[in-house]
C-alpha cells in the first residue's frame, strides 16, 4: 500500500494560519475520500529554529490495496497550494510502501 509523507518548514509568523489551512484542506480531502487517513505531525526537536511539519496520507487498507494513487497525490498537492505562503522552501513528497513481512 502506497503512503505519502510530505514535509516542509513553517514560517514562525505563519504557524497558526498554516495549521488552520492544513486542517481545513485535509478535512475537505477526507470528505471527498472517506477512506483517506490524513495526519499532521511536527518534528519534536524543532530543528533549525523553524518547525518542520509532516503531512501523512494513507488509505484504509480495507478500501484498496494500492493506497495513494497518482490522481489522489495530485489532488493533495492542489489542495495544499494555499499553504505555500506559510512555508519556507518547498513541500517535499516521499512515497513509501509497506514491506512484506
Protein backbone atom coordinates (compact mmCIF):
# COMPACT_ATOMS: atom_id res chain seq x y z
CA UNK A 1 0.00 0.00 0.00
CA UNK A 2 1.44 3.36 -1.09
CA UNK A 3 1.50 6.11 1.56
CA UNK A 4 2.68 9.71 1.29
CA UNK A 5 4.89 11.64 3.69
CA UNK A 6 5.16 15.35 2.86
CA UNK A 7 7.48 17.54 4.89
CA UNK A 8 8.36 21.24 4.97
CA UNK A 9 9.35 24.08 7.29
CA UNK A 10 6.72 26.51 8.52
CA UNK A 11 7.48 30.20 8.93
CA UNK A 12 7.31 31.22 12.59
CA UNK A 13 4.90 34.09 11.84
CA UNK A 14 2.54 31.74 9.98
CA UNK A 15 2.18 28.76 12.31
CA UNK A 16 -1.45 29.38 13.30
CA UNK A 17 -2.53 30.12 9.72
CA UNK A 18 -0.64 27.09 8.39
CA UNK A 19 -2.26 24.80 10.96
CA UNK A 20 -5.75 26.09 10.13
CA UNK A 21 -5.15 25.86 6.37
CA UNK A 22 -3.75 22.33 6.60
CA UNK A 23 -6.52 21.04 8.85
CA UNK A 24 -9.12 22.60 6.53
CA UNK A 25 -7.79 21.09 3.32
CA UNK A 26 -7.23 17.71 4.96
CA UNK A 27 -10.86 17.79 6.13
CA UNK A 28 -12.03 18.59 2.58
CA UNK A 29 -9.97 15.70 1.23
CA UNK A 30 -11.45 13.31 3.82
CA UNK A 31 -14.98 14.37 2.85
CA UNK A 32 -14.28 13.60 -0.82
CA UNK A 33 -12.34 10.42 0.04
CA UNK A 34 -13.81 8.85 3.21
CA UNK A 35 -11.21 6.06 3.12
CA UNK A 36 -8.36 8.62 3.36
CA UNK A 37 -6.37 8.91 6.57
CA UNK A 38 -4.66 12.30 6.89
CA UNK A 39 -2.45 13.44 9.75
CA UNK A 40 -0.34 16.50 10.52
CA UNK A 41 2.84 15.91 12.54
CA UNK A 42 5.59 18.19 13.84
CA UNK A 43 9.24 17.30 14.38
CA UNK A 44 9.82 17.06 18.11
CA UNK A 45 13.25 18.74 18.19
CA UNK A 46 12.33 21.98 16.36
CA UNK A 47 15.41 21.63 14.14
CA UNK A 48 16.73 24.88 12.66
CA UNK A 49 14.51 27.33 14.52
CA UNK A 50 11.53 26.80 12.23
CA UNK A 51 9.20 23.90 12.91
CA UNK A 52 9.31 21.04 10.44
CA UNK A 53 5.88 19.62 9.73
CA UNK A 54 4.92 16.40 8.04
CA UNK A 55 1.63 15.51 6.44
CA UNK A 56 0.93 11.79 6.29
CA UNK A 57 -1.63 10.28 3.92
CA UNK A 58 -2.77 6.66 3.72
CA UNK A 59 -5.82 4.79 2.50
CA UNK A 60 -7.78 2.43 4.71
CA UNK A 61 -6.43 -0.99 3.63
CA UNK A 62 -9.99 -2.35 3.58
CA UNK A 63 -10.78 0.17 0.80
CA UNK A 64 -7.92 -0.65 -1.58
CA UNK A 65 -4.62 -2.45 -1.50
CA UNK A 66 -2.98 0.11 -3.82
CA UNK A 67 -3.02 3.05 -1.44
CA UNK A 68 -2.50 6.63 -2.64
CA UNK A 69 -2.54 6.74 -6.44
CA UNK A 70 -1.20 9.50 -8.73
CA UNK A 71 -4.61 11.17 -9.08
CA UNK A 72 -5.10 11.49 -5.32
CA UNK A 73 -1.50 12.63 -4.88
CA UNK A 74 -2.15 15.42 -7.41
CA UNK A 75 -5.36 16.35 -5.60
CA UNK A 76 -3.48 16.62 -2.29
CA UNK A 77 -0.87 18.86 -3.92
CA UNK A 78 -3.55 21.08 -5.44
CA UNK A 79 -5.33 21.46 -2.09
CA UNK A 80 -2.05 22.36 -0.40
CA UNK A 81 -1.31 25.23 -2.80
CA UNK A 82 -2.87 27.73 -0.39
CA UNK A 83 -0.30 26.66 2.22
CA UNK A 84 2.69 27.85 0.17
CA UNK A 85 2.86 31.45 1.55
CA UNK A 86 3.19 29.95 5.06
CA UNK A 87 6.18 27.74 4.43
CA UNK A 88 9.90 28.29 3.89
CA UNK A 89 11.01 26.47 0.75
CA UNK A 90 9.18 23.60 -0.88
CA UNK A 91 6.96 20.75 0.25
CA UNK A 92 8.94 17.52 -0.19
CA UNK A 93 6.91 14.43 -1.02
CA UNK A 94 8.12 10.91 -0.30
CA UNK A 95 6.11 7.79 -1.15
CA UNK A 96 6.57 4.56 0.81
CA UNK A 97 5.01 1.14 0.59
CA UNK A 98 4.65 -1.45 3.33
CA UNK A 99 7.36 -4.10 3.47
CA UNK A 100 6.37 -7.72 3.16
CA UNK A 101 6.66 -9.47 6.49
